[in-house]
C-alpha atoms as a PDB file:
ATOM      1  CA  MET A   1       0.288   0.182   0.177  1.00  0.00           C
ATOM      2  CA  LYS A   2       2.735   2.496   0.907  1.00  0.00           C
ATOM      3  CA  PHE A   3       4.734   1.602  -2.377  1.00  0.00           C
ATOM      4  CA  SER A   4       1.277   2.288  -4.281  1.00  0.00           C
ATOM      5  CA  THR A   5       1.276   5.868  -2.642  1.00  0.00           C
ATOM      6  CA  ALA A   6       4.423   6.773  -3.178  1.00  0.00           C
ATOM      7  CA  LEU A   7       4.314   5.654  -6.601  1.00  0.00           C
ATOM      8  CA  ALA A   8       0.846   7.694  -7.532  1.00  0.00           C
ATOM      9  CA  LEU A   9       3.543  11.067  -5.789  1.00  0.00           C
ATOM     10  CA  ALA A  10       6.048  10.591  -7.691  1.00  0.00           C
ATOM     11  CA  ALA A  11       4.027  10.386 -11.185  1.00  0.00           C
ATOM     12  CA  LEU A  12       2.147  13.263 -10.481  1.00  0.00           C
ATOM     13  CA  THR A  13       5.385  15.107  -9.923  1.00  0.00           C
ATOM     14  CA  GLY A  14       6.216  14.005 -13.184  1.00  0.00           C
ATOM     15  CA  ALA A  15       3.487  15.247 -14.900  1.00  0.00           C
ATOM     16  CA  ASP A  16       4.393  18.541 -13.340  1.00  0.00           C
ATOM     17  CA  ALA A  17       7.219  19.172 -14.855  1.00  0.00           C
ATOM     18  CA  PHE A  18       5.885  18.759 -18.211  1.00  0.00           C
ATOM     19  CA  VAL A  19       3.407  21.797 -18.072  1.00  0.00           C
ATOM     20  CA  ALA A  20       3.445  24.077 -20.926  1.00  0.00           C
ATOM     21  CA  PRO A  21       4.850  27.578 -19.738  1.00  0.00           C
ATOM     22  CA  LYS A  22       2.756  30.686 -19.684  1.00  0.00           C
ATOM     23  CA  THR A  23       3.251  32.734 -23.081  1.00  0.00           C
ATOM     24  CA  ALA A  24       6.237  34.899 -22.248  1.00  0.00           C
ATOM     25  CA  VAL A  25       6.202  38.686 -22.471  1.00  0.00           C
ATOM     26  CA  ALA A  26       7.805  39.601 -26.064  1.00  0.00           C
ATOM     27  CA  SER A  27      10.201  41.435 -25.792  1.00  0.00           C
ATOM     28  CA  SER A  28      11.852  44.845 -28.343  1.00  0.00           C
ATOM     29  CA  THR A  29      15.134  45.842 -29.010  1.00  0.00           C
ATOM     30  CA  LYS A  30      14.527  48.815 -30.446  1.00  0.00           C
ATOM     31  CA  LEU A  31      16.326  51.818 -28.413  1.00  0.00           C
ATOM     32  CA  ALA A  32      13.813  54.278 -26.925  1.00  0.00           C
ATOM     33  CA  MET A  33      14.819  57.913 -28.274  1.00  0.00           C
ATOM     34  CA  SER A  34      14.377  60.993 -25.836  1.00  0.00           C
ATOM     35  CA  ASP A  35      12.174  63.978 -26.336  1.00  0.00           C
ATOM     36  CA  PHE A  36      14.808  66.449 -25.728  1.00  0.00           C
ATOM     37  CA  GLY A  37      15.864  67.670 -28.698  1.00  0.00           C
ATOM     38  CA  THR A  38      18.489  70.648 -29.106  1.00  0.00           C
ATOM     39  CA  SER A  39      16.101  73.230 -31.251  1.00  0.00           C
ATOM     40  CA  VAL A  40      13.433  73.034 -33.321  1.00  0.00           C
ATOM     41  CA  ARG A  41      15.531  71.820 -36.447  1.00  0.00           C
ATOM     42  CA  ASP A  42      15.816  68.532 -34.574  1.00  0.00           C
ATOM     43  CA  ASN A  43      12.524  67.265 -35.934  1.00  0.00           C
ATOM     44  CA  ILE A  44      12.717  66.334 -39.357  1.00  0.00           C
ATOM     45  CA  ASP A  45       9.183  66.926 -40.238  1.00  0.00           C
ATOM     46  CA  VAL A  46       9.789  70.534 -40.051  1.00  0.00           C
ATOM     47  CA  GLY A  47       8.698  72.290 -43.594  1.00  0.00           C
ATOM     48  CA  VAL A  48       6.358  68.448 -43.896  1.00  0.00           C
ATOM     49  CA  GLY A  49       3.001  68.855 -44.454  1.00  0.00           C
ATOM     50  CA  GLY A  50       2.372  72.075 -42.025  1.00  0.00           C
ATOM     51  CA  SER A  51       3.051  69.820 -39.266  1.00  0.00           C
ATOM     52  CA  GLY A  52       6.816  70.955 -37.850  1.00  0.00           C
ATOM     53  CA  PRO A  53       7.189  73.238 -34.946  1.00  0.00           C
ATOM     54  CA  LEU A  54       8.986  75.806 -37.822  1.00  0.00           C
ATOM     55  CA  SER A  55       5.626  75.550 -39.826  1.00  0.00           C
ATOM     56  CA  ARG A  56       3.745  78.044 -37.039  1.00  0.00           C
ATOM     57  CA  GLY A  57       5.396  80.750 -38.668  1.00  0.00           C
ATOM     58  CA  GLY A  58       3.720  84.389 -39.801  1.00  0.00           C
ATOM     59  CA  PRO A  59       3.108  85.172 -43.851  1.00  0.00           C
ATOM     60  CA  ALA A  60       6.220  85.250 -46.031  1.00  0.00           C
ATOM     61  CA  ARG A  61       9.088  87.916 -44.734  1.00  0.00           C
ATOM     62  CA  ASP A  62      10.111  90.929 -46.718  1.00  0.00           C
ATOM     63  CA  LEU A  63      13.875  90.209 -47.447  1.00  0.00           C
ATOM     64  CA  ALA A  64      13.701  94.262 -48.136  1.00  0.00           C
ATOM     65  CA  GLU A  65      12.885  94.867 -44.976  1.00  0.00           C
ATOM     66  CA  ILE A  66      15.855  93.310 -43.173  1.00  0.00           C
ATOM     67  CA  TRP A  67      17.877  95.181 -45.342  1.00  0.00           C
ATOM     68  CA  ASP A  68      16.646  98.176 -44.454  1.00  0.00           C
ATOM     69  CA  ASN A  69      16.589  97.097 -40.707  1.00  0.00           C
ATOM     70  CA  SER A  70      20.609  96.113 -40.857  1.00  0.00           C
ATOM     71  CA  SER A  71      23.961  97.448 -41.384  1.00  0.00           C
ATOM     72  CA  PRO A  72      25.538  95.748 -44.166  1.00  0.00           C
ATOM     73  CA  VAL A  73      29.325  94.679 -44.448  1.00  0.00           C
ATOM     74  CA  ILE A  74      31.528  95.166 -47.390  1.00  0.00           C
ATOM     75  CA  VAL A  75      33.724  92.787 -48.407  1.00  0.00           C
ATOM     76  CA  GLN A  76      36.280  93.424 -51.125  1.00  0.00           C
ATOM     77  CA  GLY A  77      36.768  91.412 -53.611  1.00  0.00           C
ATOM     78  CA  GLY A  78      39.671  88.759 -52.345  1.00  0.00           C
ATOM     79  CA  SER A  79      39.459  89.684 -48.721  1.00  0.00           C
ATOM     80  CA  LEU A  80      37.349  87.460 -46.008  1.00  0.00           C
ATOM     81  CA  ARG A  81      35.099  88.993 -42.593  1.00  0.00           C
ATOM     82  CA  THR A  82      33.897  86.881 -39.445  1.00  0.00           C
ATOM     83  CA  TRP A  83      31.117  87.576 -38.164  1.00  0.00           C
ATOM     84  CA  SER A  84      31.406  85.557 -34.321  1.00  0.00           C
ATOM     85  CA  PHE A  85      28.523  84.540 -31.700  1.00  0.00           C
ATOM     86  CA  ALA A  86      29.717  83.438 -28.662  1.00  0.00           C
ATOM     87  CA  ASN A  87      25.916  83.257 -27.166  1.00  0.00           C
ATOM     88  CA  PRO A  88      24.933  79.417 -27.513  1.00  0.00           C
ATOM     89  CA  ALA A  89      21.357  80.530 -27.536  1.00  0.00           C
ATOM     90  CA  ILE A  90      21.480  81.500 -31.213  1.00  0.00           C
ATOM     91  CA  GLU A  91      20.893  78.481 -32.451  1.00  0.00           C
ATOM     92  CA  SER A  92      20.782  79.914 -36.456  1.00  0.00           C
ATOM     93  CA  VAL A  93      22.019  82.985 -38.004  1.00  0.00           C
ATOM     94  CA  GLN A  94      21.049  84.872 -41.325  1.00  0.00           C
ATOM     95  CA  VAL A  95      23.166  85.027 -44.110  1.00  0.00           C
ATOM     96  CA  LEU A  96      22.319  88.159 -47.009  1.00  0.00           C
ATOM     97  CA  LEU A  97      24.270  88.689 -49.713  1.00  0.00           C
ATOM     98  CA  LYS A  98      24.103  91.199 -52.507  1.00  0.00           C
ATOM     99  CA  THR A  99      26.251  93.333 -55.162  1.00  0.00           C
ATOM    100  CA  GLU A 100      25.381  96.640 -57.197  1.00  0.00           C
ATOM    101  CA  GLY A 101      24.340  94.223 -59.960  1.00  0.00           C
ATOM    102  CA  ARG A 102      27.793  93.045 -60.398  1.00  0.00           C
ATOM    103  CA  PRO A 103      28.277  89.316 -59.946  1.00  0.00           C
ATOM    104  CA  LEU A 104      28.548  87.365 -56.805  1.00  0.00           C
ATOM    105  CA  ASP A 105      30.952  84.799 -55.949  1.00  0.00           C
ATOM    106  CA  ALA A 106      32.022  83.508 -52.607  1.00  0.00           C
ATOM    107  CA  ASP A 107      32.040  81.137 -49.841  1.00  0.00           C
ATOM    108  CA  VAL A 108      30.792  80.966 -46.811  1.00  0.00           C
ATOM    109  CA  GLU A 109      31.267  78.412 -44.078  1.00  0.00           C
ATOM    110  CA  LEU A 110      31.065  78.068 -40.775  1.00  0.00           C
ATOM    111  CA  TRP A 111      33.335  77.220 -38.233  1.00  0.00           C
ATOM    112  CA  GLN A 112      33.058  75.807 -34.698  1.00  0.00           C
ATOM    113  CA  GLY A 113      36.530  75.026 -32.995  1.00  0.00           C
ATOM    114  CA  PRO A 114      39.532  74.908 -34.126  1.00  0.00           C
ATOM    115  CA  ASP A 115      39.470  73.344 -37.715  1.00  0.00           C
ATOM    116  CA  ASN A 116      36.012  71.934 -37.013  1.00  0.00           C
ATOM    117  CA  THR A 117      34.362  73.385 -40.244  1.00  0.00           C
ATOM    118  CA  PRO A 118      30.171  71.444 -39.893  1.00  0.00           C
ATOM    119  CA  HIS A 119      28.689  73.853 -42.700  1.00  0.00           C
ATOM    120  CA  LYS A 120      30.335  74.867 -45.906  1.00  0.00           C
ATOM    121  CA  MET A 121      28.848  77.135 -49.028  1.00  0.00           C
ATOM    122  CA  ARG A 122      30.047  78.068 -52.410  1.00  0.00           C
ATOM    123  CA  VAL A 123      27.771  80.978 -54.249  1.00  0.00           C
ATOM    124  CA  TYR A 124      27.332  82.475 -57.473  1.00  0.00           C
ATOM    125  CA  VAL A 125      24.860  84.741 -58.526  1.00  0.00           C
ATOM    126  CA  GLU A 126      25.367  86.544 -61.836  1.00  0.00           C
ATOM    127  CA  ASP A 127      23.623  90.063 -60.848  1.00  0.00           C
ATOM    128  CA  GLY A 128      23.592  90.203 -56.773  1.00  0.00           C
ATOM    129  CA  ALA A 129      21.432  93.471 -56.941  1.00  0.00           C
ATOM    130  CA  LEU A 130      18.792  91.266 -59.101  1.00  0.00           C
ATOM    131  CA  ARG A 131      18.540  87.940 -57.213  1.00  0.00           C
ATOM    132  CA  THR A 132      20.385  88.754 -53.553  1.00  0.00           C
ATOM    133  CA  PHE A 133      21.429  85.498 -51.404  1.00  0.00           C
ATOM    134  CA  ASN A 134      19.117  84.701 -48.894  1.00  0.00           C
ATOM    135  CA  ALA A 135      20.242  81.535 -46.435  1.00  0.00           C
ATOM    136  CA  VAL A 136      19.942  80.363 -43.102  1.00  0.00           C
ATOM    137  CA  ILE A 137      22.348  78.242 -41.634  1.00  0.00           C
ATOM    138  CA  GLY A 138      21.705  76.240 -37.988  1.00  0.00           C
ATOM    139  CA  THR A 139      24.599  77.606 -35.299  1.00  0.00           C
ATOM    140  CA  PRO A 140      23.767  74.707 -32.106  1.00  0.00           C
ATOM    141  CA  ARG A 141      25.945  74.382 -29.173  1.00  0.00           C
ATOM    142  CA  GLY A 142      28.131  77.684 -29.327  1.00  0.00           C
ATOM    143  CA  PRO A 143      30.339  79.506 -29.985  1.00  0.00           C
ATOM    144  CA  ASN A 144      30.135  79.691 -33.409  1.00  0.00           C
ATOM    145  CA  THR A 145      31.943  81.542 -36.350  1.00  0.00           C
ATOM    146  CA  VAL A 146      30.357  82.884 -39.994  1.00  0.00           C
ATOM    147  CA  ALA A 147      33.547  83.485 -42.380  1.00  0.00           C
ATOM    148  CA  ILE A 148      32.427  85.265 -45.885  1.00  0.00           C
ATOM    149  CA  ARG A 149      34.946  85.406 -48.373  1.00  0.00           C
ATOM    150  CA  ASN A 150      34.858  87.261 -51.456  1.00  0.00           C
ATOM    151  CA  ILE A 151      36.484  84.791 -54.035  1.00  0.00           C
ATOM    152  CA  GLY A 152      35.804  87.425 -56.940  1.00  0.00           C
ATOM    153  CA  GLN A 153      37.649  89.707 -57.917  1.00  0.00           C
ATOM    154  CA  LEU A 154      38.869  93.378 -56.652  1.00  0.00           C
ATOM    155  CA  GLU A 155      36.335  95.425 -59.090  1.00  0.00           C
ATOM    156  CA  PHE A 156      33.524  93.458 -57.690  1.00  0.00           C
ATOM    157  CA  PRO A 157      33.094  94.060 -53.899  1.00  0.00           C
ATOM    158  CA  LEU A 158      29.641  92.878 -52.447  1.00  0.00           C
ATOM    159  CA  ASP A 159      27.653  93.637 -49.121  1.00  0.00           C
ATOM    160  CA  ALA A 160      26.785  90.676 -46.092  1.00  0.00           C
ATOM    161  CA  VAL A 161      24.820  91.126 -43.323  1.00  0.00           C
ATOM    162  CA  VAL A 162      24.881  88.376 -40.409  1.00  0.00           C
ATOM    163  CA  ARG A 163      22.864  88.080 -37.655  1.00  0.00           C
ATOM    164  CA  PRO A 164      21.206  86.203 -35.177  1.00  0.00           C
ATOM    165  CA  ASP A 165      17.803  84.185 -36.453  1.00  0.00           C
ATOM    166  CA  ARG A 166      14.915  84.498 -33.904  1.00  0.00           C
ATOM    167  CA  ASP A 167      11.968  81.871 -33.665  1.00  0.00           C
ATOM    168  CA  ASP A 168       9.868  83.859 -36.056  1.00  0.00           C
ATOM    169  CA  GLY A 169      12.813  84.576 -38.490  1.00  0.00           C
ATOM    170  CA  LEU A 170      13.502  83.929 -41.279  1.00  0.00           C
ATOM    171  CA  ALA A 171      13.548  80.196 -40.801  1.00  0.00           C
ATOM    172  CA  ALA A 172      10.076  80.348 -39.555  1.00  0.00           C
ATOM    173  CA  SER A 173       9.023  81.846 -42.281  1.00  0.00           C
ATOM    174  CA  ILE A 174      10.194  79.754 -44.802  1.00  0.00           C
ATOM    175  CA  ALA A 175       9.190  76.676 -43.116  1.00  0.00           C
ATOM    176  CA  SER A 176       5.511  78.126 -42.759  1.00  0.00           C
ATOM    177  CA  VAL A 177       5.613  78.172 -46.803  1.00  0.00           C
ATOM    178  CA  ALA A 178       7.612  75.235 -47.974  1.00  0.00           C
ATOM    179  CA  THR A 179       5.102  73.077 -46.458  1.00  0.00           C
ATOM    180  CA  ARG A 180       5.791  69.691 -49.278  1.00  0.00           C
ATOM    181  CA  SER A 181       8.883  67.652 -48.655  1.00  0.00           C
ATOM    182  CA  GLU A 182      10.089  64.859 -51.178  1.00  0.00           C
ATOM    183  CA  THR A 183      12.640  62.280 -51.241  1.00  0.00           C
ATOM    184  CA  ILE A 184      15.922  62.997 -53.896  1.00  0.00           C
ATOM    185  CA  GLN A 185      18.176  59.943 -53.628  1.00  0.00           C
ATOM    186  CA  GLY A 186      22.129  60.284 -53.987  1.00  0.00           C
ATOM    187  CA  GLY A 187      23.421  61.143 -57.557  1.00  0.00           C
ATOM    188  CA  ALA A 188      19.400  62.562 -58.081  1.00  0.00           C
ATOM    189  CA  LEU A 189      18.180  65.632 -59.198  1.00  0.00           C
ATOM    190  CA  ARG A 190      14.531  67.312 -59.048  1.00  0.00           C
ATOM    191  CA  THR A 191      13.764  70.291 -61.234  1.00  0.00           C
ATOM    192  CA  TYR A 192      10.752  72.752 -59.991  1.00  0.00           C
ATOM    193  CA  PRO A 193       9.388  75.207 -62.759  1.00  0.00           C
ATOM    194  CA  PHE A 194       7.509  78.127 -61.404  1.00  0.00           C
ATOM    195  CA  ASN A 195       5.062  80.952 -63.070  1.00  0.00           C
ATOM    196  CA  PRO A 196       6.011  84.344 -63.924  1.00  0.00           C
ATOM    197  CA  THR A 197       4.257  85.575 -61.177  1.00  0.00           C
ATOM    198  CA  VAL A 198       6.242  83.705 -58.548  1.00  0.00           C
ATOM    199  CA  ASP A 199       8.640  86.422 -57.394  1.00  0.00           C
ATOM    200  CA  SER A 200      10.951  84.352 -55.219  1.00  0.00           C
ATOM    201  CA  VAL A 201      10.925  80.481 -53.858  1.00  0.00           C
ATOM    202  CA  ALA A 202      11.302  78.791 -50.353  1.00  0.00           C
ATOM    203  CA  ILE A 203      13.592  76.153 -50.277  1.00  0.00           C
ATOM    204  CA  ILE A 204      14.512  73.237 -47.274  1.00  0.00           C
ATOM    205  CA  LEU A 205      17.160  70.651 -47.805  1.00  0.00           C
ATOM    206  CA  LYS A 206      17.570  67.817 -44.947  1.00  0.00           C
ATOM    207  CA  THR A 207      18.385  65.285 -43.924  1.00  0.00           C
ATOM    208  CA  ASP A 208      17.653  62.380 -40.682  1.00  0.00           C
ATOM    209  CA  GLY A 209      20.936  62.965 -39.853  1.00  0.00           C
ATOM    210  CA  ARG A 210      23.835  62.224 -42.582  1.00  0.00           C
ATOM    211  CA  PRO A 211      25.416  64.474 -44.241  1.00  0.00           C
ATOM    212  CA  LEU A 212      24.008  66.495 -46.631  1.00  0.00           C
ATOM    213  CA  ASN A 213      25.756  67.587 -50.231  1.00  0.00           C
ATOM    214  CA  ALA A 214      24.133  68.828 -52.721  1.00  0.00           C
ATOM    215  CA  ARG A 215      24.044  71.813 -55.405  1.00  0.00           C
ATOM    216  CA  ILE A 216      20.621  74.428 -55.940  1.00  0.00           C
ATOM    217  CA  GLU A 217      20.368  76.042 -59.388  1.00  0.00           C
ATOM    218  CA  LEU A 218      18.340  78.787 -60.483  1.00  0.00           C
ATOM    219  CA  LEU A 219      17.919  78.133 -64.417  1.00  0.00           C
ATOM    220  CA  GLN A 220      16.136  80.674 -66.911  1.00  0.00           C
ATOM    221  CA  GLY A 221      16.708  78.948 -69.996  1.00  0.00           C
ATOM    222  CA  PRO A 222      18.331  76.220 -71.644  1.00  0.00           C
ATOM    223  CA  ASN A 223      21.972  75.693 -69.080  1.00  0.00           C
ATOM    224  CA  ASN A 224      21.732  79.136 -68.158  1.00  0.00           C
ATOM    225  CA  ASN A 225      22.745  79.542 -64.395  1.00  0.00           C
ATOM    226  CA  LYS A 226      21.885  82.836 -63.076  1.00  0.00           C
ATOM    227  CA  GLN A 227      22.593  80.937 -59.289  1.00  0.00           C
ATOM    228  CA  VAL A 228      24.546  78.504 -57.857  1.00  0.00           C
ATOM    229  CA  VAL A 229      24.501  76.753 -54.666  1.00  0.00           C
ATOM    230  CA  GLU A 230      26.685  74.158 -53.859  1.00  0.00           C
ATOM    231  CA  LEU A 231      26.322  73.572 -49.840  1.00  0.00           C
ATOM    232  CA  TYR A 232      27.889  71.354 -47.582  1.00  0.00           C
ATOM    233  CA  THR A 233      26.318  70.545 -43.744  1.00  0.00           C
ATOM    234  CA  GLU A 234      27.945  67.801 -41.510  1.00  0.00           C
ATOM    235  CA  ASP A 235      24.665  66.752 -40.415  1.00  0.00           C
ATOM    236  CA  GLY A 236      21.493  67.745 -42.293  1.00  0.00           C
ATOM    237  CA  LEU A 237      19.129  67.401 -39.403  1.00  0.00           C
ATOM    238  CA  ASP A 238      21.320  69.092 -37.049  1.00  0.00           C
ATOM    239  CA  ARG A 239      22.015  71.748 -39.853  1.00  0.00           C
ATOM    240  CA  PRO A 240      19.434  72.148 -42.064  1.00  0.00           C
ATOM    241  CA  PHE A 241      19.690  74.599 -45.130  1.00  0.00           C
ATOM    242  CA  PHE A 242      17.035  77.369 -45.375  1.00  0.00           C
ATOM    243  CA  ALA A 243      16.895  79.691 -48.252  1.00  0.00           C
ATOM    244  CA  ILE A 244      15.254  82.101 -50.370  1.00  0.00           C
ATOM    245  CA  VAL A 245      15.932  81.981 -54.302  1.00  0.00           C
ATOM    246  CA  GLU A 246      14.075  85.489 -55.869  1.00  0.00           C
ATOM    247  CA  THR A 247      13.190  84.184 -59.404  1.00  0.00           C
ATOM    248  CA  PRO A 248      11.987  87.670 -61.220  1.00  0.00           C
ATOM    249  CA  GLY A 249      11.205  87.148 -65.009  1.00  0.00           C
ATOM    250  CA  SER A 250       9.539  83.872 -66.647  1.00  0.00           C
ATOM    251  CA  GLY A 251      11.289  80.819 -67.252  1.00  0.00           C
ATOM    252  CA  ASN A 252      12.496  80.839 -63.997  1.00  0.00           C
ATOM    253  CA  VAL A 253      13.373  76.622 -63.044  1.00  0.00           C
ATOM    254  CA  VAL A 254      14.776  75.561 -59.434  1.00  0.00           C
ATOM    255  CA  ARG A 255      17.126  72.222 -59.845  1.00  0.00           C
ATOM    256  CA  VAL A 256      18.576  70.605 -56.979  1.00  0.00           C
ATOM    257  CA  VAL A 257      21.161  67.879 -57.090  1.00  0.00           C
ATOM    258  CA  ASN A 258      22.055  65.694 -54.863  1.00  0.00           C
ATOM    259  CA  THR A 259      26.081  64.739 -55.015  1.00  0.00           C
ATOM    260  CA  ALA A 260      25.819  62.703 -52.313  1.00  0.00           C
ATOM    261  CA  PRO A 261      26.549  58.609 -52.895  1.00  0.00           C
ATOM    262  CA  VAL A 262      23.289  57.122 -53.158  1.00  0.00           C
ATOM    263  CA  GLU A 263      23.305  55.662 -49.588  1.00  0.00           C
ATOM    264  CA  PHE A 264      22.647  59.568 -48.198  1.00  0.00           C
ATOM    265  CA  PRO A 265      19.388  60.971 -49.834  1.00  0.00           C
ATOM    266  CA  LEU A 266      18.433  64.003 -48.432  1.00  0.00           C
ATOM    267  CA  TYR A 267      14.721  65.350 -48.307  1.00  0.00           C
ATOM    268  CA  ALA A 268      13.486  68.644 -50.202  1.00  0.00           C
ATOM    269  CA  SER A 269      11.097  71.308 -49.582  1.00  0.00           C
ATOM    270  CA  VAL A 270      10.984  73.722 -52.075  1.00  0.00           C
ATOM    271  CA  ASP A 271       7.763  76.374 -53.095  1.00  0.00           C
ATOM    272  CA  ALA A 272       6.551  79.493 -54.305  1.00  0.00           C
ATOM    273  CA  TYR A 273       7.854  82.088 -51.323  1.00  0.00           C
ATOM    274  CA  ARG A 274       6.263  85.522 -52.504  1.00  0.00           C
ATOM    275  CA  VAL A 275       3.469  85.496 -55.270  1.00  0.00           C
ATOM    276  CA  GLY A 276       1.922  88.979 -56.812  1.00  0.00           C
ATOM    277  CA  GLY A 277       4.640  89.884 -59.038  1.00  0.00           C
ATOM    278  CA  GLY A 278       4.698  89.484 -62.807  1.00  0.00           C
ATOM    279  CA  GLY A 279       1.729  91.639 -63.985  1.00  0.00           C
ATOM    280  CA  ASP A 280       3.962  93.012 -67.032  1.00  0.00           C
ATOM    281  CA  TRP A 281       4.132  89.511 -67.879  1.00  0.00           C
ATOM    282  CA  ALA A 282       2.002  88.118 -70.258  1.00  0.00           C
ATOM    283  CA  ASP A 283       0.728  84.510 -69.974  1.00  0.00           C
ATOM    284  CA  ASP A 284       3.125  83.594 -72.809  1.00  0.00           C
ATOM    285  CA  GLY A 285       6.467  84.780 -70.754  1.00  0.00           C
ATOM    286  CA  LEU A 286       6.701  88.315 -73.207  1.00  0.00           C
ATOM    287  CA  MET A 287       7.078  91.193 -71.483  1.00  0.00           C
ATOM    288  CA  ILE A 288       4.462  93.984 -72.176  1.00  0.00           C
ATOM    289  CA  GLY A 289       4.411  97.885 -70.516  1.00  0.00           C
ATOM    290  CA  ARG A 290       7.728  98.038 -70.226  1.00  0.00           C
ATOM    291  CA  SER A 291       9.974  99.820 -72.012  1.00  0.00           C
ATOM    292  CA  PHE A 292      13.866  99.265 -71.970  1.00  0.00           C
END
């Protein structure tokens, strides 16, 4: 009897060993991302569908107002001028360049520490009075220095304005207008034709954190470059590129070329910034009612 009882207990104990375990909670290896951002430009959705933080900006800001309220610095041909910003709270600066109607050819660099240039631009404009250069570059984690070198000849000086960009400044105004974004793969290009009534175009270029290498061209006719910007940014998410390209006349086409390898796509937002001009232009693109 005792042997039978012991045998039965052993059988019950052995049966418990083969009970199916409860379903385990699935674990995820996804890294948790912090909600902290160094600036509103850290959001990759800036300029996409009007949902980014900067898209709450007001109406299109008048560039002439910026020039009137600033004190331009003359940069002679072949010379270099620098603007230093020691305050780390300055997260972006406005860079505006123009001439008296002569060609504009300049190098714009952002210096952050010794031998560290996280942002570079080569700017060419055929007529620096008709089409001024207007851009906003990111300057997070100061101190920063903006360097402008006029690589034109001595006979071609330029006027430069470099000043901090406020939260409701030029970048916010650009982002409130350029609300459509598309991906441009490495080595690819996109063209954006505009109506003669468009006076200027807003452009935003950014990446998902990878380097940004691009070329922006304003064409007016076959292979007729009116403005060219060759751009490099160390981090296209931390330092996106904002620009306003003035497009007087008809037949204007903005071409954006991703000069990086195929592994480095970029996100481009190109849209009309200021509309309302072109009153002297007919639908066929001919100028009427204006003397030469």
